Amino acid sequence: MHLLLIEDDLDLGRALQQALKAEGLSSEWFRRSGDALQAFASGTFDCVLLDLTLPDGDGMELLARWRRSGMTLPVVVITARAELDDRLAGLDGGADDFVVKPFATAELVSRIRAVCRRSVQQASEQWTFGDLDIEPGRHRVTLKGQVVDLSPREFQLMLELARQAGKVVSKSVLSRRLEPLGDPLEFSAIEVHLSNLRRKIGAHHVRTVRGVGYMLQA
């Protein structure tokens, strides 16, 4: 999962990036809304973590701008504003969740997974694609009820494809999103891991769109 983190506090931003990485979540961190806008336009993200107090504007204005443009990406507000009116304004203004600082990283990660799960129209922690079931929290995949033995890389590749099920995911996106597991993967390594994944879950489940990327299908 690849996140856009918008947080102006240096210490919190660094700590949060490291904590997210430990949970297997990659992120790009920006301290200003203007920089975040440019990154969002050129990047591919699964979720936005948005502080409301930024050096060049209010996070709510950035959120409103995104929602007016039709952006449907999940947004989790992270802020020290704890009043009820602030929480209601954030949720009514387009945020998918509202987390008040200080917060436990484990709770934040759980909330991120929840809003992303809803965004891919999965009602529970078990995602179903035809005869495949994926349980992200347990790092488990079953095929027709039988557990599939996947390596950490193969599981993460499967998960990233599942988040965009029915859509093509490019090799460059896969490489960047797998960075928390180590150095970014070379394209040739991605092809090897995907070949192994196909062999284990059935070649028909992972379609290659030549020159573009890969797509998970039921």
C-alpha atoms as a PDB file:
ATOM      1  CA  MET A   1       0.000   0.000   0.000  1.00  0.00           C
ATOM      2  CA  HIS A   2       1.408   3.408  -0.998  1.00  0.00           C
ATOM      3  CA  LEU A   3       0.413   6.502   0.988  1.00  0.00           C
ATOM      4  CA  LEU A   4       0.651  10.257   0.513  1.00  0.00           C
ATOM      5  CA  LEU A   5       1.618  11.745   3.886  1.00  0.00           C
ATOM      6  CA  ILE A   6       1.061  15.479   4.369  1.00  0.00           C
ATOM      7  CA  GLU A   7       2.430  16.555   7.752  1.00  0.00           C
ATOM      8  CA  ASP A   8       4.402  19.721   8.559  1.00  0.00           C
ATOM      9  CA  ASP A   9       5.956  18.540  11.843  1.00  0.00           C
ATOM     10  CA  LEU A  10       9.473  17.232  11.137  1.00  0.00           C
ATOM     11  CA  ASP A  11       9.746  14.870  14.105  1.00  0.00           C
ATOM     12  CA  LEU A  12       6.273  13.427  13.673  1.00  0.00           C
ATOM     13  CA  GLY A  13       6.666  13.090   9.914  1.00  0.00           C
ATOM     14  CA  ARG A  14       9.928  11.153  10.231  1.00  0.00           C
ATOM     15  CA  ALA A  15       8.587   8.937  13.022  1.00  0.00           C
ATOM     16  CA  LEU A  16       5.353   8.262  11.182  1.00  0.00           C
ATOM     17  CA  GLN A  17       7.129   7.304   7.963  1.00  0.00           C
ATOM     18  CA  GLN A  18       9.313   4.817   9.844  1.00  0.00           C
ATOM     19  CA  ALA A  19       6.318   3.382  11.719  1.00  0.00           C
ATOM     20  CA  LEU A  20       4.374   2.945   8.497  1.00  0.00           C
ATOM     21  CA  LYS A  21       7.368   1.278   6.850  1.00  0.00           C
ATOM     22  CA  ALA A  22       7.568  -1.188   9.751  1.00  0.00           C
ATOM     23  CA  GLU A  23       3.949  -2.095   8.983  1.00  0.00           C
ATOM     24  CA  GLY A  24       4.780  -2.700   5.310  1.00  0.00           C
ATOM     25  CA  LEU A  25       3.308   0.584   4.059  1.00  0.00           C
ATOM     26  CA  SER A  26       5.321   2.826   1.750  1.00  0.00           C
ATOM     27  CA  SER A  27       4.780   6.571   1.757  1.00  0.00           C
ATOM     28  CA  GLU A  28       5.833   9.861   0.216  1.00  0.00           C
ATOM     29  CA  TRP A  29       6.013  12.669   2.769  1.00  0.00           C
ATOM     30  CA  PHE A  30       5.435  16.367   2.096  1.00  0.00           C
ATOM     31  CA  ARG A  31       5.166  19.310   4.485  1.00  0.00           C
ATOM     32  CA  ARG A  32       3.357  21.790   2.239  1.00  0.00           C
ATOM     33  CA  SER A  33       0.026  21.500   0.449  1.00  0.00           C
ATOM     34  CA  GLY A  34       1.513  22.892  -2.776  1.00  0.00           C
ATOM     35  CA  ASP A  35       4.149  20.152  -2.902  1.00  0.00           C
ATOM     36  CA  ALA A  36       1.532  17.531  -2.066  1.00  0.00           C
ATOM     37  CA  LEU A  37      -0.650  18.697  -4.949  1.00  0.00           C
ATOM     38  CA  GLN A  38       2.215  18.203  -7.403  1.00  0.00           C
ATOM     39  CA  ALA A  39       3.047  14.772  -5.966  1.00  0.00           C
ATOM     40  CA  PHE A  40      -0.575  13.687  -6.127  1.00  0.00           C
ATOM     41  CA  ALA A  41      -0.847  14.707  -9.761  1.00  0.00           C
ATOM     42  CA  SER A  42       2.167  12.609 -10.736  1.00  0.00           C
ATOM     43  CA  GLY A  43       1.898   9.673  -8.321  1.00  0.00           C
ATOM     44  CA  THR A  44      -0.288   6.669  -7.639  1.00  0.00           C
ATOM     45  CA  PHE A  45      -1.510   6.409  -4.050  1.00  0.00           C
ATOM     46  CA  ASP A  46      -3.928   4.207  -2.119  1.00  0.00           C
ATOM     47  CA  CYS A  47      -4.673   6.659   0.690  1.00  0.00           C
ATOM     48  CA  VAL A  48      -3.858  10.174   1.918  1.00  0.00           C
ATOM     49  CA  LEU A  49      -2.857  11.038   5.496  1.00  0.00           C
ATOM     50  CA  LEU A  50      -3.638  14.743   5.847  1.00  0.00           C
ATOM     51  CA  ASP A  51      -2.656  17.132   8.611  1.00  0.00           C
ATOM     52  CA  LEU A  52      -4.898  20.185   8.785  1.00  0.00           C
ATOM     53  CA  THR A  53      -2.386  22.821   9.924  1.00  0.00           C
ATOM     54  CA  LEU A  54       0.066  23.399   7.084  1.00  0.00           C
ATOM     55  CA  PRO A  55       2.554  26.235   6.427  1.00  0.00           C
ATOM     56  CA  ASP A  56       0.875  27.313   3.179  1.00  0.00           C
ATOM     57  CA  GLY A  57      -2.785  26.769   3.981  1.00  0.00           C
ATOM     58  CA  ASP A  58      -5.436  24.757   5.760  1.00  0.00           C
ATOM     59  CA  GLY A  59      -5.692  21.049   5.059  1.00  0.00           C
ATOM     60  CA  MET A  60      -9.459  21.343   4.830  1.00  0.00           C
ATOM     61  CA  GLU A  61      -9.072  23.655   1.837  1.00  0.00           C
ATOM     62  CA  LEU A  62      -6.844  21.080   0.139  1.00  0.00           C
ATOM     63  CA  LEU A  63      -9.352  18.327   0.876  1.00  0.00           C
ATOM     64  CA  ALA A  64     -12.233  20.425  -0.476  1.00  0.00           C
ATOM     65  CA  ARG A  65     -10.265  21.134  -3.638  1.00  0.00           C
ATOM     66  CA  TRP A  66      -9.617  17.436  -4.184  1.00  0.00           C
ATOM     67  CA  ARG A  67     -13.240  16.457  -3.613  1.00  0.00           C
ATOM     68  CA  ARG A  68     -14.512  19.169  -5.970  1.00  0.00           C
ATOM     69  CA  SER A  69     -12.237  17.746  -8.662  1.00  0.00           C
ATOM     70  CA  GLY A  70     -13.870  14.339  -8.259  1.00  0.00           C
ATOM     71  CA  MET A  71     -11.026  12.653  -6.374  1.00  0.00           C
ATOM     72  CA  THR A  72     -12.381   9.584  -4.559  1.00  0.00           C
ATOM     73  CA  LEU A  73      -9.168   8.376  -2.907  1.00  0.00           C
ATOM     74  CA  PRO A  74      -9.550   7.629   0.837  1.00  0.00           C
ATOM     75  CA  VAL A  75      -8.368  10.491   3.070  1.00  0.00           C
ATOM     76  CA  VAL A  76      -7.584  10.076   6.773  1.00  0.00           C
ATOM     77  CA  VAL A  77      -7.219  13.382   8.615  1.00  0.00           C
ATOM     78  CA  ILE A  78      -4.514  13.397  11.333  1.00  0.00           C
ATOM     79  CA  THR A  79      -4.703  16.506  13.496  1.00  0.00           C
ATOM     80  CA  ALA A  80      -4.457  17.982  16.980  1.00  0.00           C
ATOM     81  CA  ARG A  81      -7.884  19.583  16.523  1.00  0.00           C
ATOM     82  CA  ALA A  82      -9.996  17.554  18.909  1.00  0.00           C
ATOM     83  CA  GLU A  83     -13.218  19.547  19.171  1.00  0.00           C
ATOM     84  CA  LEU A  84     -16.449  17.952  17.969  1.00  0.00           C
ATOM     85  CA  ASP A  85     -17.036  20.772  15.484  1.00  0.00           C
ATOM     86  CA  ASP A  86     -13.611  20.104  13.927  1.00  0.00           C
ATOM     87  CA  ARG A  87     -14.303  16.377  13.613  1.00  0.00           C
ATOM     88  CA  LEU A  88     -17.706  16.980  12.067  1.00  0.00           C
ATOM     89  CA  ALA A  89     -16.286  19.564   9.652  1.00  0.00           C
ATOM     90  CA  GLY A  90     -13.594  17.107   8.570  1.00  0.00           C
ATOM     91  CA  LEU A  91     -15.961  14.208   7.984  1.00  0.00           C
ATOM     92  CA  ASP A  92     -18.618  16.362   6.338  1.00  0.00           C
ATOM     93  CA  GLY A  93     -15.904  17.980   4.225  1.00  0.00           C
ATOM     94  CA  GLY A  94     -14.911  14.706   2.603  1.00  0.00           C
ATOM     95  CA  ALA A  95     -12.559  12.912   5.003  1.00  0.00           C
ATOM     96  CA  ASP A  96     -13.085   9.161   5.324  1.00  0.00           C
ATOM     97  CA  ASP A  97     -11.758   9.131   8.894  1.00  0.00           C
ATOM     98  CA  PHE A  98     -10.539  11.616  11.493  1.00  0.00           C
ATOM     99  CA  VAL A  99      -7.727  10.712  13.912  1.00  0.00           C
ATOM    100  CA  VAL A 100      -6.757  13.062  16.750  1.00  0.00           C
ATOM    101  CA  LYS A 101      -3.117  13.425  17.814  1.00  0.00           C
ATOM    102  CA  PRO A 102      -1.503  11.869  19.732  1.00  0.00           C
ATOM    103  CA  PHE A 103      -2.537   8.481  18.375  1.00  0.00           C
ATOM    104  CA  ALA A 104      -1.259   4.906  18.492  1.00  0.00           C
ATOM    105  CA  THR A 105       0.345   3.834  15.227  1.00  0.00           C
ATOM    106  CA  ALA A 106      -1.431   0.467  15.387  1.00  0.00           C
ATOM    107  CA  GLU A 107      -4.820   2.219  15.491  1.00  0.00           C
ATOM    108  CA  LEU A 108      -3.894   4.534  12.631  1.00  0.00           C
ATOM    109  CA  VAL A 109      -2.767   1.618  10.465  1.00  0.00           C
ATOM    110  CA  SER A 110      -5.975  -0.252  11.277  1.00  0.00           C
ATOM    111  CA  ARG A 111      -8.030   2.775  10.217  1.00  0.00           C
ATOM    112  CA  ILE A 112      -6.016   3.134   7.010  1.00  0.00           C
ATOM    113  CA  ARG A 113      -6.700  -0.493   6.142  1.00  0.00           C
ATOM    114  CA  ALA A 114     -10.396  -0.041   6.928  1.00  0.00           C
ATOM    115  CA  VAL A 115     -10.891   2.964   4.626  1.00  0.00           C
ATOM    116  CA  CYS A 116      -8.851   1.285   1.870  1.00  0.00           C
ATOM    117  CA  ARG A 117     -10.888  -1.883   2.251  1.00  0.00           C
ATOM    118  CA  ARG A 118     -14.069   0.091   1.741  1.00  0.00           C
ATOM    119  CA  SER A 119     -12.558   1.849  -1.260  1.00  0.00           C
ATOM    120  CA  VAL A 120     -12.016  -1.490  -3.026  1.00  0.00           C
ATOM    121  CA  GLN A 121     -15.545  -2.570  -2.036  1.00  0.00           C
ATOM    122  CA  GLN A 122     -14.474  -5.320   0.344  1.00  0.00           C
ATOM    123  CA  ALA A 123     -16.683  -5.501   3.436  1.00  0.00           C
ATOM    124  CA  SER A 124     -14.306  -7.502   5.612  1.00  0.00           C
ATOM    125  CA  GLU A 125     -10.676  -8.448   6.083  1.00  0.00           C
ATOM    126  CA  GLN A 126     -11.264 -11.399   3.768  1.00  0.00           C
ATOM    127  CA  TRP A 127     -11.212 -10.279   0.136  1.00  0.00           C
ATOM    128  CA  THR A 128     -12.845 -12.619  -2.364  1.00  0.00           C
ATOM    129  CA  PHE A 129     -12.012 -12.834  -6.071  1.00  0.00           C
ATOM    130  CA  GLY A 130     -13.743 -15.858  -7.594  1.00  0.00           C
ATOM    131  CA  ASP A 131     -12.150 -18.936  -6.025  1.00  0.00           C
ATOM    132  CA  LEU A 132      -9.425 -16.836  -4.373  1.00  0.00           C
ATOM    133  CA  ASP A 133      -9.651 -15.460  -0.835  1.00  0.00           C
ATOM    134  CA  ILE A 134      -7.104 -12.992   0.522  1.00  0.00           C
ATOM    135  CA  GLU A 135      -6.742 -12.139   4.215  1.00  0.00           C
ATOM    136  CA  PRO A 136      -4.354  -9.148   4.433  1.00  0.00           C
ATOM    137  CA  GLY A 137      -4.195  -9.103   8.226  1.00  0.00           C
ATOM    138  CA  ARG A 138      -3.210 -12.780   8.400  1.00  0.00           C
ATOM    139  CA  HIS A 139      -0.986 -12.697   5.294  1.00  0.00           C
ATOM    140  CA  ARG A 140      -2.918 -15.654   3.955  1.00  0.00           C
ATOM    141  CA  VAL A 141      -4.281 -16.621   0.537  1.00  0.00           C
ATOM    142  CA  THR A 142      -6.528 -19.584  -0.153  1.00  0.00           C
ATOM    143  CA  LEU A 143      -7.469 -21.103  -3.498  1.00  0.00           C
ATOM    144  CA  LYS A 144     -10.682 -23.139  -3.458  1.00  0.00           C
ATOM    145  CA  GLY A 145     -10.348 -23.338   0.321  1.00  0.00           C
ATOM    146  CA  GLN A 146      -6.731 -24.552   0.290  1.00  0.00           C
ATOM    147  CA  VAL A 147      -3.967 -22.349   1.706  1.00  0.00           C
ATOM    148  CA  VAL A 148      -1.474 -21.191  -0.943  1.00  0.00           C
ATOM    149  CA  ASP A 149       2.152 -21.071   0.188  1.00  0.00           C
ATOM    150  CA  LEU A 150       3.396 -17.640  -0.929  1.00  0.00           C
ATOM    151  CA  SER A 151       6.672 -15.899  -0.174  1.00  0.00           C
ATOM    152  CA  PRO A 152       6.475 -12.395   1.383  1.00  0.00           C
ATOM    153  CA  ARG A 153       7.198 -10.839  -2.026  1.00  0.00           C
ATOM    154  CA  GLU A 154       4.578 -12.969  -3.780  1.00  0.00           C
ATOM    155  CA  PHE A 155       1.989 -12.114  -1.132  1.00  0.00           C
ATOM    156  CA  GLN A 156       2.680  -8.379  -1.384  1.00  0.00           C
ATOM    157  CA  LEU A 157       2.481  -8.509  -5.169  1.00  0.00           C
ATOM    158  CA  MET A 158      -0.847 -10.299  -4.896  1.00  0.00           C
ATOM    159  CA  LEU A 159      -2.114  -7.737  -2.393  1.00  0.00           C
ATOM    160  CA  GLU A 160      -1.138  -4.768  -4.543  1.00  0.00           C
ATOM    161  CA  LEU A 161      -2.862  -6.294  -7.565  1.00  0.00           C
ATOM    162  CA  ALA A 162      -5.931  -7.047  -5.428  1.00  0.00           C
ATOM    163  CA  ARG A 163      -6.208  -3.422  -4.315  1.00  0.00           C
ATOM    164  CA  GLN A 164      -6.631  -2.498  -7.974  1.00  0.00           C
ATOM    165  CA  ALA A 165      -8.539  -5.629  -9.032  1.00  0.00           C
ATOM    166  CA  GLY A 166      -9.844  -5.288 -12.555  1.00  0.00           C
ATOM    167  CA  LYS A 167      -7.357  -2.493 -13.277  1.00  0.00           C
ATOM    168  CA  VAL A 168      -3.868  -2.646 -14.739  1.00  0.00           C
ATOM    169  CA  VAL A 169      -1.004  -1.999 -12.303  1.00  0.00           C
ATOM    170  CA  SER A 170       2.307  -0.999 -13.877  1.00  0.00           C
ATOM    171  CA  LYS A 171       5.680  -2.507 -13.016  1.00  0.00           C
ATOM    172  CA  SER A 172       6.948   0.865 -11.797  1.00  0.00           C
ATOM    173  CA  VAL A 173       4.049   1.151  -9.336  1.00  0.00           C
ATOM    174  CA  LEU A 174       4.614  -2.398  -8.078  1.00  0.00           C
ATOM    175  CA  SER A 175       8.326  -1.713  -7.626  1.00  0.00           C
ATOM    176  CA  ARG A 176       7.704   1.438  -5.580  1.00  0.00           C
ATOM    177  CA  ARG A 177       5.005  -0.072  -3.392  1.00  0.00           C
ATOM    178  CA  LEU A 178       7.174  -3.043  -2.463  1.00  0.00           C
ATOM    179  CA  GLU A 179      10.006  -0.830  -1.219  1.00  0.00           C
ATOM    180  CA  PRO A 180       9.231  -1.372   2.529  1.00  0.00           C
ATOM    181  CA  LEU A 181      10.330  -5.006   2.048  1.00  0.00           C
ATOM    182  CA  GLY A 182      13.783  -3.851   0.954  1.00  0.00           C
ATOM    183  CA  ASP A 183      15.312  -2.175  -2.077  1.00  0.00           C
ATOM    184  CA  PRO A 184      12.916  -1.435  -4.965  1.00  0.00           C
ATOM    185  CA  LEU A 185      12.543  -4.462  -7.238  1.00  0.00           C
ATOM    186  CA  GLU A 186      14.021  -4.495 -10.694  1.00  0.00           C
ATOM    187  CA  PHE A 187      11.431  -5.163 -13.398  1.00  0.00           C
ATOM    188  CA  SER A 188      13.057  -8.517 -14.178  1.00  0.00           C
ATOM    189  CA  ALA A 189      12.633  -9.577 -10.532  1.00  0.00           C
ATOM    190  CA  ILE A 190       8.962  -8.569 -10.609  1.00  0.00           C
ATOM    191  CA  GLU A 191       8.460 -10.796 -13.654  1.00  0.00           C
ATOM    192  CA  VAL A 192      10.044 -13.739 -11.829  1.00  0.00           C
ATOM    193  CA  HIS A 193       7.865 -13.279  -8.736  1.00  0.00           C
ATOM    194  CA  LEU A 194       4.733 -12.875 -10.843  1.00  0.00           C
ATOM    195  CA  SER A 195       5.593 -16.034 -12.771  1.00  0.00           C
ATOM    196  CA  ASN A 196       5.822 -17.917  -9.481  1.00  0.00           C
ATOM    197  CA  LEU A 197       2.552 -16.347  -8.308  1.00  0.00           C
ATOM    198  CA  ARG A 198       0.780 -17.454 -11.491  1.00  0.00           C
ATOM    199  CA  ARG A 199       2.040 -20.987 -11.050  1.00  0.00           C
ATOM    200  CA  LYS A 200       0.635 -21.113  -7.520  1.00  0.00           C
ATOM    201  CA  ILE A 201      -2.781 -19.456  -8.001  1.00  0.00           C
ATOM    202  CA  GLY A 202      -3.469 -20.221 -11.661  1.00  0.00           C
ATOM    203  CA  ALA A 203      -2.195 -18.297 -14.663  1.00  0.00           C
ATOM    204  CA  HIS A 204      -5.689 -17.064 -15.553  1.00  0.00           C
ATOM    205  CA  HIS A 205      -5.841 -14.994 -12.339  1.00  0.00           C
ATOM    206  CA  VAL A 206      -2.989 -12.658 -13.361  1.00  0.00           C
ATOM    207  CA  ARG A 207      -3.323 -11.125 -16.795  1.00  0.00           C
ATOM    208  CA  THR A 208      -0.400  -9.418 -18.538  1.00  0.00           C
ATOM    209  CA  VAL A 209      -1.195  -6.273 -20.489  1.00  0.00           C
ATOM    210  CA  ARG A 210       1.896  -5.977 -22.659  1.00  0.00           C
ATOM    211  CA  GLY A 211       3.760  -2.729 -22.344  1.00  0.00           C
ATOM    212  CA  VAL A 212       1.535  -1.613 -19.473  1.00  0.00           C
ATOM    213  CA  GLY A 213       1.482  -3.998 -16.500  1.00  0.00           C
ATOM    214  CA  TYR A 214      -0.585  -6.668 -14.783  1.00  0.00           C
ATOM    215  CA  MET A 215      -4.154  -7.143 -13.642  1.00  0.00           C
ATOM    216  CA  LEU A 216      -5.760  -9.494 -11.112  1.00  0.00           C
ATOM    217  CA  GLN A 217      -8.977 -11.084 -12.312  1.00  0.00           C
ATOM    218  CA  ALA A 218     -11.363 -13.616 -10.795  1.00  0.00           C
END
